[in-house]
Each structure stands twice: as structure tokens, then as C-alpha cells.
PDB file of all heavy atoms in Angstrom:
ATOM      1  N   ALA A   1       0.837  -1.206   0.000  1.00  0.00           N
ATOM      2  CA  ALA A   1       0.000   0.000   0.000  1.00  0.00           C
ATOM      3  C   ALA A   1       0.870   1.253   0.000  1.00  0.00           C
ATOM      4  O   ALA A   1       0.618   2.207  -0.753  1.00  0.00           O
ATOM      5  CB  ALA A   1      -0.935  -0.007   1.204  1.00  0.00           C
ATOM      6  N   ASN A   2       1.915   1.270   0.823  1.00  0.00           N
ATOM      7  CA  ASN A   2       2.838   2.418   0.846  1.00  0.00           C
ATOM      8  C   ASN A   2       3.607   2.534  -0.460  1.00  0.00           C
ATOM      9  O   ASN A   2       3.814   3.633  -0.979  1.00  0.00           O
ATOM     10  CB  ASN A   2       3.810   2.278   2.015  1.00  0.00           C
ATOM     11  CG  ASN A   2       3.135   2.443   3.360  1.00  0.00           C
ATOM     12  OD1 ASN A   2       2.147   3.169   3.481  1.00  0.00           O
ATOM     13  ND2 ASN A   2       3.649   1.772   4.386  1.00  0.00           N
ATOM     14  N   ALA A   3       4.037   1.392  -1.002  1.00  0.00           N
ATOM     15  CA  ALA A   3       4.809   1.413  -2.246  1.00  0.00           C
ATOM     16  C   ALA A   3       3.980   1.910  -3.424  1.00  0.00           C
ATOM     17  O   ALA A   3       4.505   2.572  -4.327  1.00  0.00           O
ATOM     18  CB  ALA A   3       5.353   0.020  -2.536  1.00  0.00           C
ATOM     19  N   CYS A   4       2.683   1.603  -3.420  1.00  0.00           N
ATOM     20  CA  CYS A   4       1.803   1.985  -4.536  1.00  0.00           C
ATOM     21  C   CYS A   4       1.075   3.295  -4.284  1.00  0.00           C
ATOM     22  O   CYS A   4       0.281   3.738  -5.137  1.00  0.00           O
ATOM     23  CB  CYS A   4       0.782   0.875  -4.800  1.00  0.00           C
ATOM     24  SG  CYS A   4       1.504  -0.704  -5.272  1.00  0.00           S
ATOM     25  N   GLY A   5       1.297   3.915  -3.129  1.00  0.00           N
ATOM     26  CA  GLY A   5       0.632   5.173  -2.830  1.00  0.00           C
ATOM     27  C   GLY A   5      -0.842   5.031  -2.528  1.00  0.00           C
ATOM     28  O   GLY A   5      -1.623   5.972  -2.738  1.00  0.00           O
ATOM     29  N   VAL A   6      -1.246   3.859  -2.033  1.00  0.00           N
ATOM     30  CA  VAL A   6      -2.653   3.619  -1.699  1.00  0.00           C
ATOM     31  C   VAL A   6      -2.862   3.967  -0.233  1.00  0.00           C
ATOM     32  O   VAL A   6      -2.163   3.458   0.653  1.00  0.00           O
ATOM     33  CB  VAL A   6      -3.043   2.144  -1.949  1.00  0.00           C
ATOM     34  CG1 VAL A   6      -4.477   1.890  -1.492  1.00  0.00           C
ATOM     35  CG2 VAL A   6      -2.864   1.806  -3.417  1.00  0.00           C
ATOM     36  N   ASN A   7      -3.826   4.841   0.029  1.00  0.00           N
ATOM     37  CA  ASN A   7      -4.124   5.253   1.397  1.00  0.00           C
ATOM     38  C   ASN A   7      -5.072   4.252   2.044  1.00  0.00           C
ATOM     39  O   ASN A   7      -6.199   4.069   1.585  1.00  0.00           O
ATOM     40  CB  ASN A   7      -4.752   6.651   1.407  1.00  0.00           C
ATOM     41  CG  ASN A   7      -5.039   7.134   2.826  1.00  0.00           C
ATOM     42  OD1 ASN A   7      -4.332   6.773   3.763  1.00  0.00           O
ATOM     43  ND2 ASN A   7      -6.065   7.953   2.984  1.00  0.00           N
ATOM     44  N   VAL A   8      -4.619   3.604   3.094  1.00  0.00           N
ATOM     45  CA  VAL A   8      -5.448   2.643   3.817  1.00  0.00           C
ATOM     46  C   VAL A   8      -5.891   3.290   5.119  1.00  0.00           C
ATOM     47  O   VAL A   8      -5.063   3.586   5.988  1.00  0.00           O
ATOM     48  CB  VAL A   8      -4.672   1.338   4.102  1.00  0.00           C
ATOM     49  CG1 VAL A   8      -5.555   0.348   4.856  1.00  0.00           C
ATOM     50  CG2 VAL A   8      -4.165   0.724   2.806  1.00  0.00           C
ATOM     51  N   SER A   9      -7.193   3.535   5.248  1.00  0.00           N
ATOM     52  CA  SER A   9      -7.726   4.200   6.431  1.00  0.00           C
ATOM     53  C   SER A   9      -7.661   3.281   7.647  1.00  0.00           C
ATOM     54  O   SER A   9      -7.478   2.059   7.527  1.00  0.00           O
ATOM     55  CB  SER A   9      -9.173   4.636   6.187  1.00  0.00           C
ATOM     56  OG  SER A   9      -9.998   3.504   5.970  1.00  0.00           O
ATOM     57  N   VAL A  10      -7.844   3.891   8.834  1.00  0.00           N
ATOM     58  CA  VAL A  10      -7.808   3.111  10.064  1.00  0.00           C
ATOM     59  C   VAL A  10      -8.936   2.086  10.087  1.00  0.00           C
ATOM     60  O   VAL A  10      -8.742   0.927  10.490  1.00  0.00           O
ATOM     61  CB  VAL A  10      -7.904   4.046  11.295  1.00  0.00           C
ATOM     62  CG1 VAL A  10      -7.975   3.218  12.583  1.00  0.00           C
ATOM     63  CG2 VAL A  10      -6.720   4.996  11.345  1.00  0.00           C
ATOM     64  N   SER A  11     -10.116   2.484   9.648  1.00  0.00           N
ATOM     65  CA  SER A  11     -11.243   1.547   9.623  1.00  0.00           C
ATOM     66  C   SER A  11     -10.972   0.375   8.679  1.00  0.00           C
ATOM     67  O   SER A  11     -11.297  -0.774   8.994  1.00  0.00           O
ATOM     68  CB  SER A  11     -12.525   2.266   9.202  1.00  0.00           C
ATOM     69  OG  SER A  11     -12.375   2.849   7.910  1.00  0.00           O
ATOM     70  N   MET A  12     -10.347   0.664   7.533  1.00  0.00           N
ATOM     71  CA  MET A  12     -10.007  -0.399   6.599  1.00  0.00           C
ATOM     72  C   MET A  12      -8.931  -1.312   7.185  1.00  0.00           C
ATOM     73  O   MET A  12      -8.953  -2.530   6.974  1.00  0.00           O
ATOM     74  CB  MET A  12      -9.533   0.188   5.273  1.00  0.00           C
ATOM     75  CG  MET A  12      -9.148  -0.860   4.221  1.00  0.00           C
ATOM     76  SD  MET A  12     -10.459  -2.062   3.877  1.00  0.00           S
ATOM     77  CE  MET A  12     -11.682  -0.994   3.097  1.00  0.00           C
ATOM     78  N   MET A  13      -7.985  -0.732   7.938  1.00  0.00           N
ATOM     79  CA  MET A  13      -6.965  -1.553   8.601  1.00  0.00           C
ATOM     80  C   MET A  13      -7.601  -2.551   9.554  1.00  0.00           C
ATOM     81  O   MET A  13      -7.201  -3.722   9.621  1.00  0.00           O
ATOM     82  CB  MET A  13      -5.993  -0.663   9.371  1.00  0.00           C
ATOM     83  CG  MET A  13      -5.048   0.137   8.520  1.00  0.00           C
ATOM     84  SD  MET A  13      -3.939   1.116   9.554  1.00  0.00           S
ATOM     85  CE  MET A  13      -3.106   2.102   8.309  1.00  0.00           C
ATOM     86  N   ILE A  14      -8.614  -2.101  10.300  1.00  0.00           N
ATOM     87  CA  ILE A  14      -9.293  -2.977  11.247  1.00  0.00           C
ATOM     88  C   ILE A  14     -10.024  -4.094  10.508  1.00  0.00           C
ATOM     89  O   ILE A  14      -9.975  -5.267  10.905  1.00  0.00           O
ATOM     90  CB  ILE A  14     -10.275  -2.168  12.122  1.00  0.00           C
ATOM     91  CG1 ILE A  14      -9.499  -1.167  12.982  1.00  0.00           C
ATOM     92  CG2 ILE A  14     -11.110  -3.110  13.003  1.00  0.00           C
ATOM     93  CD1 ILE A  14     -10.386  -0.222  13.774  1.00  0.00           C
ATOM     94  N   ILE A  15     -10.694  -3.725   9.402  1.00  0.00           N
ATOM     95  CA  ILE A  15     -11.418  -4.730   8.613  1.00  0.00           C
ATOM     96  C   ILE A  15     -10.442  -5.759   8.039  1.00  0.00           C
ATOM     97  O   ILE A  15     -10.693  -6.971   8.083  1.00  0.00           O
ATOM     98  CB  ILE A  15     -12.211  -4.052   7.481  1.00  0.00           C
ATOM     99  CG1 ILE A  15     -13.337  -3.201   8.070  1.00  0.00           C
ATOM    100  CG2 ILE A  15     -12.781  -5.092   6.519  1.00  0.00           C
ATOM    101  CD1 ILE A  15     -14.062  -2.365   7.047  1.00  0.00           C
ATOM    102  N   ILE A  16      -9.321  -5.266   7.519  1.00  0.00           N
ATOM    103  CA  ILE A  16      -8.312  -6.166   6.950  1.00  0.00           C
ATOM    104  C   ILE A  16      -7.732  -7.070   8.030  1.00  0.00           C
ATOM    105  O   ILE A  16      -7.503  -8.262   7.806  1.00  0.00           O
ATOM    106  CB  ILE A  16      -7.202  -5.354   6.263  1.00  0.00           C
ATOM    107  CG1 ILE A  16      -7.742  -4.672   4.998  1.00  0.00           C
ATOM    108  CG2 ILE A  16      -6.010  -6.239   5.914  1.00  0.00           C
ATOM    109  CD1 ILE A  16      -6.757  -3.743   4.334  1.00  0.00           C
ATOM    110  N   LEU A  17      -7.516  -6.517   9.232  1.00  0.00           N
ATOM    111  CA  LEU A  17      -6.970  -7.306  10.335  1.00  0.00           C
ATOM    112  C   LEU A  17      -7.921  -8.430  10.718  1.00  0.00           C
ATOM    113  O   LEU A  17      -7.504  -9.585  10.901  1.00  0.00           O
ATOM    114  CB  LEU A  17      -6.703  -6.408  11.540  1.00  0.00           C
ATOM    115  CG  LEU A  17      -6.119  -7.094  12.788  1.00  0.00           C
ATOM    116  CD1 LEU A  17      -4.765  -7.705  12.466  1.00  0.00           C
ATOM    117  CD2 LEU A  17      -5.996  -6.098  13.929  1.00  0.00           C
ATOM    118  N   LEU A  18      -9.218  -8.120  10.818  1.00  0.00           N
ATOM    119  CA  LEU A  18     -10.201  -9.154  11.171  1.00  0.00           C
ATOM    120  C   LEU A  18     -10.297 -10.216  10.072  1.00  0.00           C
ATOM    121  O   LEU A  18     -10.335 -11.420  10.351  1.00  0.00           O
ATOM    122  CB  LEU A  18     -11.572  -8.511  11.409  1.00  0.00           C
ATOM    123  CG  LEU A  18     -11.666  -7.571  12.619  1.00  0.00           C
ATOM    124  CD1 LEU A  18     -13.042  -6.908  12.669  1.00  0.00           C
ATOM    125  CD2 LEU A  18     -11.389  -8.318  13.911  1.00  0.00           C
ATOM    126  N   ALA A  19     -10.337  -9.745   8.806  1.00  0.00           N
ATOM    127  CA  ALA A  19     -10.383 -10.701   7.692  1.00  0.00           C
ATOM    128  C   ALA A  19      -9.105 -11.526   7.632  1.00  0.00           C
ATOM    129  O   ALA A  19      -9.131 -12.723   7.303  1.00  0.00           O
ATOM    130  CB  ALA A  19     -10.585  -9.952   6.379  1.00  0.00           C
ATOM    131  N   ASN A  20      -8.006 -10.900   7.988  1.00  0.00           N
ATOM    132  CA  ASN A  20      -6.710 -11.585   7.993  1.00  0.00           C
ATOM    133  C   ASN A  20      -6.712 -12.762   8.955  1.00  0.00           C
ATOM    134  O   ASN A  20      -6.245 -13.861   8.634  1.00  0.00           O
ATOM    135  CB  ASN A  20      -5.633 -10.556   8.390  1.00  0.00           C
ATOM    136  CG  ASN A  20      -4.236 -11.121   8.324  1.00  0.00           C
ATOM    137  OD1 ASN A  20      -4.012 -12.223   7.845  1.00  0.00           O
ATOM    138  ND2 ASN A  20      -3.288 -10.365   8.810  1.00  0.00           N
ATOM    139  N   VAL A  21      -7.267 -12.540  10.156  1.00  0.00           N
ATOM    140  CA  VAL A  21      -7.315 -13.606  11.160  1.00  0.00           C
ATOM    141  C   VAL A  21      -8.166 -14.774  10.660  1.00  0.00           C
ATOM    142  O   VAL A  21      -7.785 -15.945  10.760  1.00  0.00           O
ATOM    143  CB  VAL A  21      -7.878 -13.066  12.489  1.00  0.00           C
ATOM    144  CG1 VAL A  21      -8.088 -14.209  13.484  1.00  0.00           C
ATOM    145  CG2 VAL A  21      -6.940 -12.025  13.080  1.00  0.00           C
ATOM    146  N   LEU A  22      -9.326 -14.462  10.082  1.00  0.00           N
ATOM    147  CA  LEU A  22     -10.221 -15.518   9.592  1.00  0.00           C
ATOM    148  C   LEU A  22      -9.592 -16.282   8.431  1.00  0.00           C
ATOM    149  O   LEU A  22      -9.662 -17.512   8.369  1.00  0.00           O
ATOM    150  CB  LEU A  22     -11.555 -14.906   9.159  1.00  0.00           C
ATOM    151  CG  LEU A  22     -12.400 -14.280  10.274  1.00  0.00           C
ATOM    152  CD1 LEU A  22     -13.632 -13.611   9.697  1.00  0.00           C
ATOM    153  CD2 LEU A  22     -12.807 -15.331  11.300  1.00  0.00           C
ATOM    154  N   LEU A  23      -8.960 -15.550   7.509  1.00  0.00           N
ATOM    155  CA  LEU A  23      -8.348 -16.202   6.351  1.00  0.00           C
ATOM    156  C   LEU A  23      -7.150 -17.052   6.755  1.00  0.00           C
ATOM    157  O   LEU A  23      -6.912 -18.118   6.187  1.00  0.00           O
ATOM    158  CB  LEU A  23      -7.927 -15.157   5.315  1.00  0.00           C
ATOM    159  CG  LEU A  23      -9.063 -14.481   4.535  1.00  0.00           C
ATOM    160  CD1 LEU A  23      -8.521 -13.312   3.716  1.00  0.00           C
ATOM    161  CD2 LEU A  23      -9.755 -15.479   3.618  1.00  0.00           C
ATOM    162  N   SER A  24      -6.377 -16.577   7.720  1.00  0.00           N
ATOM    163  CA  SER A  24      -5.178 -17.325   8.134  1.00  0.00           C
ATOM    164  C   SER A  24      -5.551 -18.657   8.761  1.00  0.00           C
ATOM    165  O   SER A  24      -4.829 -19.649   8.618  1.00  0.00           O
ATOM    166  CB  SER A  24      -4.345 -16.493   9.114  1.00  0.00           C
ATOM    167  OG  SER A  24      -5.055 -16.256  10.316  1.00  0.00           O
ATOM    168  N   VAL A  25      -6.686 -18.713   9.470  1.00  0.00           N
ATOM    169  CA  VAL A  25      -7.121 -19.973  10.069  1.00  0.00           C
ATOM    170  C   VAL A  25      -7.421 -21.008   8.998  1.00  0.00           C
ATOM    171  O   VAL A  25      -7.163 -22.203   9.152  1.00  0.00           O
ATOM    172  CB  VAL A  25      -8.355 -19.750  10.968  1.00  0.00           C
ATOM    173  CG1 VAL A  25      -8.956 -21.077  11.421  1.00  0.00           C
ATOM    174  CG2 VAL A  25      -7.986 -18.904  12.178  1.00  0.00           C
ATOM    175  N   GLY A  26      -7.946 -20.550   7.862  1.00  0.00           N
ATOM    176  CA  GLY A  26      -8.285 -21.473   6.780  1.00  0.00           C
ATOM    177  C   GLY A  26      -7.181 -21.715   5.785  1.00  0.00           C
ATOM    178  O   GLY A  26      -7.385 -22.429   4.791  1.00  0.00           O
ATOM    179  N   THR A  27      -6.013 -21.147   6.020  1.00  0.00           N
ATOM    180  CA  THR A  27      -4.900 -21.332   5.089  1.00  0.00           C
ATOM    181  C   THR A  27      -4.349 -22.752   5.188  1.00  0.00           C
ATOM    182  O   THR A  27      -4.025 -23.214   6.287  1.00  0.00           O
ATOM    183  CB  THR A  27      -3.771 -20.330   5.395  1.00  0.00           C
ATOM    184  OG1 THR A  27      -4.276 -18.994   5.273  1.00  0.00           O
ATOM    185  CG2 THR A  27      -2.611 -20.516   4.418  1.00  0.00           C
ATOM    186  N   PRO A  28      -4.224 -23.469   4.083  1.00  0.00           N
ATOM    187  CA  PRO A  28      -3.703 -24.847   4.152  1.00  0.00           C
ATOM    188  C   PRO A  28      -2.230 -24.862   4.513  1.00  0.00           C
ATOM    189  O   PRO A  28      -1.488 -23.925   4.191  1.00  0.00           O
ATOM    190  CB  PRO A  28      -3.935 -25.379   2.727  1.00  0.00           C
ATOM    191  CG  PRO A  28      -3.973 -24.161   1.861  1.00  0.00           C
ATOM    192  CD  PRO A  28      -4.592 -23.080   2.704  1.00  0.00           C
ATOM    193  N   GLY A  29      -1.804 -25.940   5.179  1.00  0.00           N
ATOM    194  CA  GLY A  29      -0.409 -26.051   5.605  1.00  0.00           C
ATOM    195  C   GLY A  29       0.489 -26.609   4.532  1.00  0.00           C
ATOM    196  O   GLY A  29       1.232 -27.569   4.755  1.00  0.00           O
ATOM    197  N   ILE A  30       0.460 -26.003   3.353  1.00  0.00           N
ATOM    198  CA  ILE A  30       1.274 -26.436   2.216  1.00  0.00           C
ATOM    199  C   ILE A  30       2.009 -25.231   1.650  1.00  0.00           C
ATOM    200  O   ILE A  30       1.614 -24.087   1.902  1.00  0.00           O
ATOM    201  CB  ILE A  30       0.401 -27.082   1.109  1.00  0.00           C
ATOM    202  CG1 ILE A  30      -0.661 -26.086   0.620  1.00  0.00           C
ATOM    203  CG2 ILE A  30      -0.249 -28.353   1.623  1.00  0.00           C
ATOM    204  CD1 ILE A  30      -1.473 -26.568  -0.550  1.00  0.00           C
ATOM    205  N   PRO A  31       3.090 -25.439   0.884  1.00  0.00           N
ATOM    206  CA  PRO A  31       3.798 -24.296   0.288  1.00  0.00           C
ATOM    207  C   PRO A  31       2.881 -23.462  -0.600  1.00  0.00           C
ATOM    208  O   PRO A  31       2.124 -23.987  -1.413  1.00  0.00           O
ATOM    209  CB  PRO A  31       4.900 -24.978  -0.538  1.00  0.00           C
ATOM    210  CG  PRO A  31       5.117 -26.297   0.125  1.00  0.00           C
ATOM    211  CD  PRO A  31       3.770 -26.716   0.633  1.00  0.00           C
ATOM    212  N   GLY A  32       2.935 -22.138  -0.416  1.00  0.00           N
ATOM    213  CA  GLY A  32       2.121 -21.238  -1.231  1.00  0.00           C
ATOM    214  C   GLY A  32       0.675 -21.140  -0.802  1.00  0.00           C
ATOM    215  O   GLY A  32      -0.145 -20.541  -1.505  1.00  0.00           O
ATOM    216  N   GLY A  33       0.356 -21.705   0.357  1.00  0.00           N
ATOM    217  CA  GLY A  33      -1.031 -21.697   0.803  1.00  0.00           C
ATOM    218  C   GLY A  33      -1.566 -20.321   1.123  1.00  0.00           C
ATOM    219  O   GLY A  33      -2.780 -20.109   1.126  1.00  0.00           O
ATOM    220  N   ALA A  34      -0.676 -19.348   1.387  1.00  0.00           N
ATOM    221  CA  ALA A  34      -1.118 -18.004   1.775  1.00  0.00           C
ATOM    222  C   ALA A  34      -1.359 -17.091   0.580  1.00  0.00           C
ATOM    223  O   ALA A  34      -1.818 -15.956   0.760  1.00  0.00           O
ATOM    224  CB  ALA A  34      -0.083 -17.370   2.704  1.00  0.00           C
ATOM    225  N   ILE A  35      -1.049 -17.537  -0.634  1.00  0.00           N
ATOM    226  CA  ILE A  35      -1.189 -16.669  -1.807  1.00  0.00           C
ATOM    227  C   ILE A  35      -2.641 -16.248  -2.019  1.00  0.00           C
ATOM    228  O   ILE A  35      -2.942 -15.086  -2.301  1.00  0.00           O
ATOM    229  CB  ILE A  35      -0.625 -17.365  -3.061  1.00  0.00           C
ATOM    230  CG1 ILE A  35       0.893 -17.537  -2.930  1.00  0.00           C
ATOM    231  CG2 ILE A  35      -0.966 -16.578  -4.319  1.00  0.00           C
ATOM    232  CD1 ILE A  35       1.535 -18.290  -4.075  1.00  0.00           C
ATOM    233  N   ALA A  36      -3.555 -17.211  -1.879  1.00  0.00           N
ATOM    234  CA  ALA A  36      -4.975 -16.892  -2.066  1.00  0.00           C
ATOM    235  C   ALA A  36      -5.454 -15.897  -1.015  1.00  0.00           C
ATOM    236  O   ALA A  36      -6.250 -14.983  -1.325  1.00  0.00           O
ATOM    237  CB  ALA A  36      -5.808 -18.169  -2.014  1.00  0.00           C
ATOM    238  N   SER A  37      -4.975 -16.041   0.206  1.00  0.00           N
ATOM    239  CA  SER A  37      -5.357 -15.105   1.268  1.00  0.00           C
ATOM    240  C   SER A  37      -4.861 -13.696   0.954  1.00  0.00           C
ATOM    241  O   SER A  37      -5.578 -12.708   1.152  1.00  0.00           O
ATOM    242  CB  SER A  37      -4.791 -15.570   2.620  1.00  0.00           C
ATOM    243  OG  SER A  37      -5.288 -16.841   2.969  1.00  0.00           O
ATOM    244  N   PHE A  38      -3.625 -13.607   0.461  1.00  0.00           N
ATOM    245  CA  PHE A  38      -3.085 -12.299   0.119  1.00  0.00           C
ATOM    246  C   PHE A  38      -3.876 -11.654  -1.017  1.00  0.00           C
ATOM    247  O   PHE A  38      -4.129 -10.445  -0.998  1.00  0.00           O
ATOM    248  CB  PHE A  38      -1.608 -12.416  -0.284  1.00  0.00           C
ATOM    249  CG  PHE A  38      -1.003 -11.100  -0.687  1.00  0.00           C
ATOM    250  CD1 PHE A  38      -0.552 -10.213   0.270  1.00  0.00           C
ATOM    251  CD2 PHE A  38      -0.903 -10.736  -2.031  1.00  0.00           C
ATOM    252  CE1 PHE A  38      -0.005  -8.992  -0.096  1.00  0.00           C
ATOM    253  CE2 PHE A  38      -0.362  -9.531  -2.399  1.00  0.00           C
ATOM    254  CZ  PHE A  38       0.089  -8.648  -1.433  1.00  0.00           C
ATOM    255  N   ALA A  39      -4.276 -12.452  -1.999  1.00  0.00           N
ATOM    256  CA  ALA A  39      -5.051 -11.920  -3.113  1.00  0.00           C
ATOM    257  C   ALA A  39      -6.367 -11.323  -2.626  1.00  0.00           C
ATOM    258  O   ALA A  39      -6.785 -10.242  -3.075  1.00  0.00           O
ATOM    259  CB  ALA A  39      -5.316 -13.021  -4.138  1.00  0.00           C
ATOM    260  N   ALA A  40      -7.029 -12.010  -1.687  1.00  0.00           N
ATOM    261  CA  ALA A  40      -8.295 -11.508  -1.152  1.00  0.00           C
ATOM    262  C   ALA A  40      -8.082 -10.215  -0.366  1.00  0.00           C
ATOM    263  O   ALA A  40      -8.846  -9.247  -0.524  1.00  0.00           O
ATOM    264  CB  ALA A  40      -8.944 -12.572  -0.273  1.00  0.00           C
ATOM    265  N   LEU A  41      -7.047 -10.184   0.474  1.00  0.00           N
ATOM    266  CA  LEU A  41      -6.787  -8.995   1.275  1.00  0.00           C
ATOM    267  C   LEU A  41      -6.330  -7.821   0.415  1.00  0.00           C
ATOM    268  O   LEU A  41      -6.687  -6.667   0.677  1.00  0.00           O
ATOM    269  CB  LEU A  41      -5.731  -9.306   2.341  1.00  0.00           C
ATOM    270  CG  LEU A  41      -6.161 -10.299   3.424  1.00  0.00           C
ATOM    271  CD1 LEU A  41      -4.975 -10.658   4.299  1.00  0.00           C
ATOM    272  CD2 LEU A  41      -7.279  -9.718   4.271  1.00  0.00           C
ATOM    273  N   ALA A  42      -5.535  -8.100  -0.626  1.00  0.00           N
ATOM    274  CA  ALA A  42      -5.079  -7.042  -1.519  1.00  0.00           C
ATOM    275  C   ALA A  42      -6.256  -6.393  -2.249  1.00  0.00           C
ATOM    276  O   ALA A  42      -6.287  -5.168  -2.448  1.00  0.00           O
ATOM    277  CB  ALA A  42      -4.078  -7.599  -2.529  1.00  0.00           C
ATOM    278  N   THR A  43      -7.221  -7.195  -2.633  1.00  0.00           N
ATOM    279  CA  THR A  43      -8.418  -6.650  -3.286  1.00  0.00           C
ATOM    280  C   THR A  43      -9.207  -5.777  -2.321  1.00  0.00           C
ATOM    281  O   THR A  43      -9.693  -4.696  -2.690  1.00  0.00           O
ATOM    282  CB  THR A  43      -9.317  -7.809  -3.782  1.00  0.00           C
ATOM    283  OG1 THR A  43      -8.565  -8.625  -4.681  1.00  0.00           O
ATOM    284  CG2 THR A  43     -10.549  -7.269  -4.490  1.00  0.00           C
TER     285      THR A  43
END
């Protein structure tokens, strides 16, 4: 976000943090399992 000049508000940070916790629980324990989670959070 900083590298691309995207402003992430505090409220959005909280939403991303909550979604991050939920997505991380469902991340499979295999190589590259977090890529899908990052794609969702980046969107």
C-alpha cells in the first residue's frame, strides 16, 4: 500500500486485520497456501 501510494484508512486496517485472522485460520499447511489469502486482502 505504501509502495503503490494507496491510502489505507484506520477503519479499513481494522477490517483487513479481522479478515486476515479468519483467512489465516483457513490457510492450508502447504507451500504457497497463503497466496490466495493475500489476493483476497489485496483486493
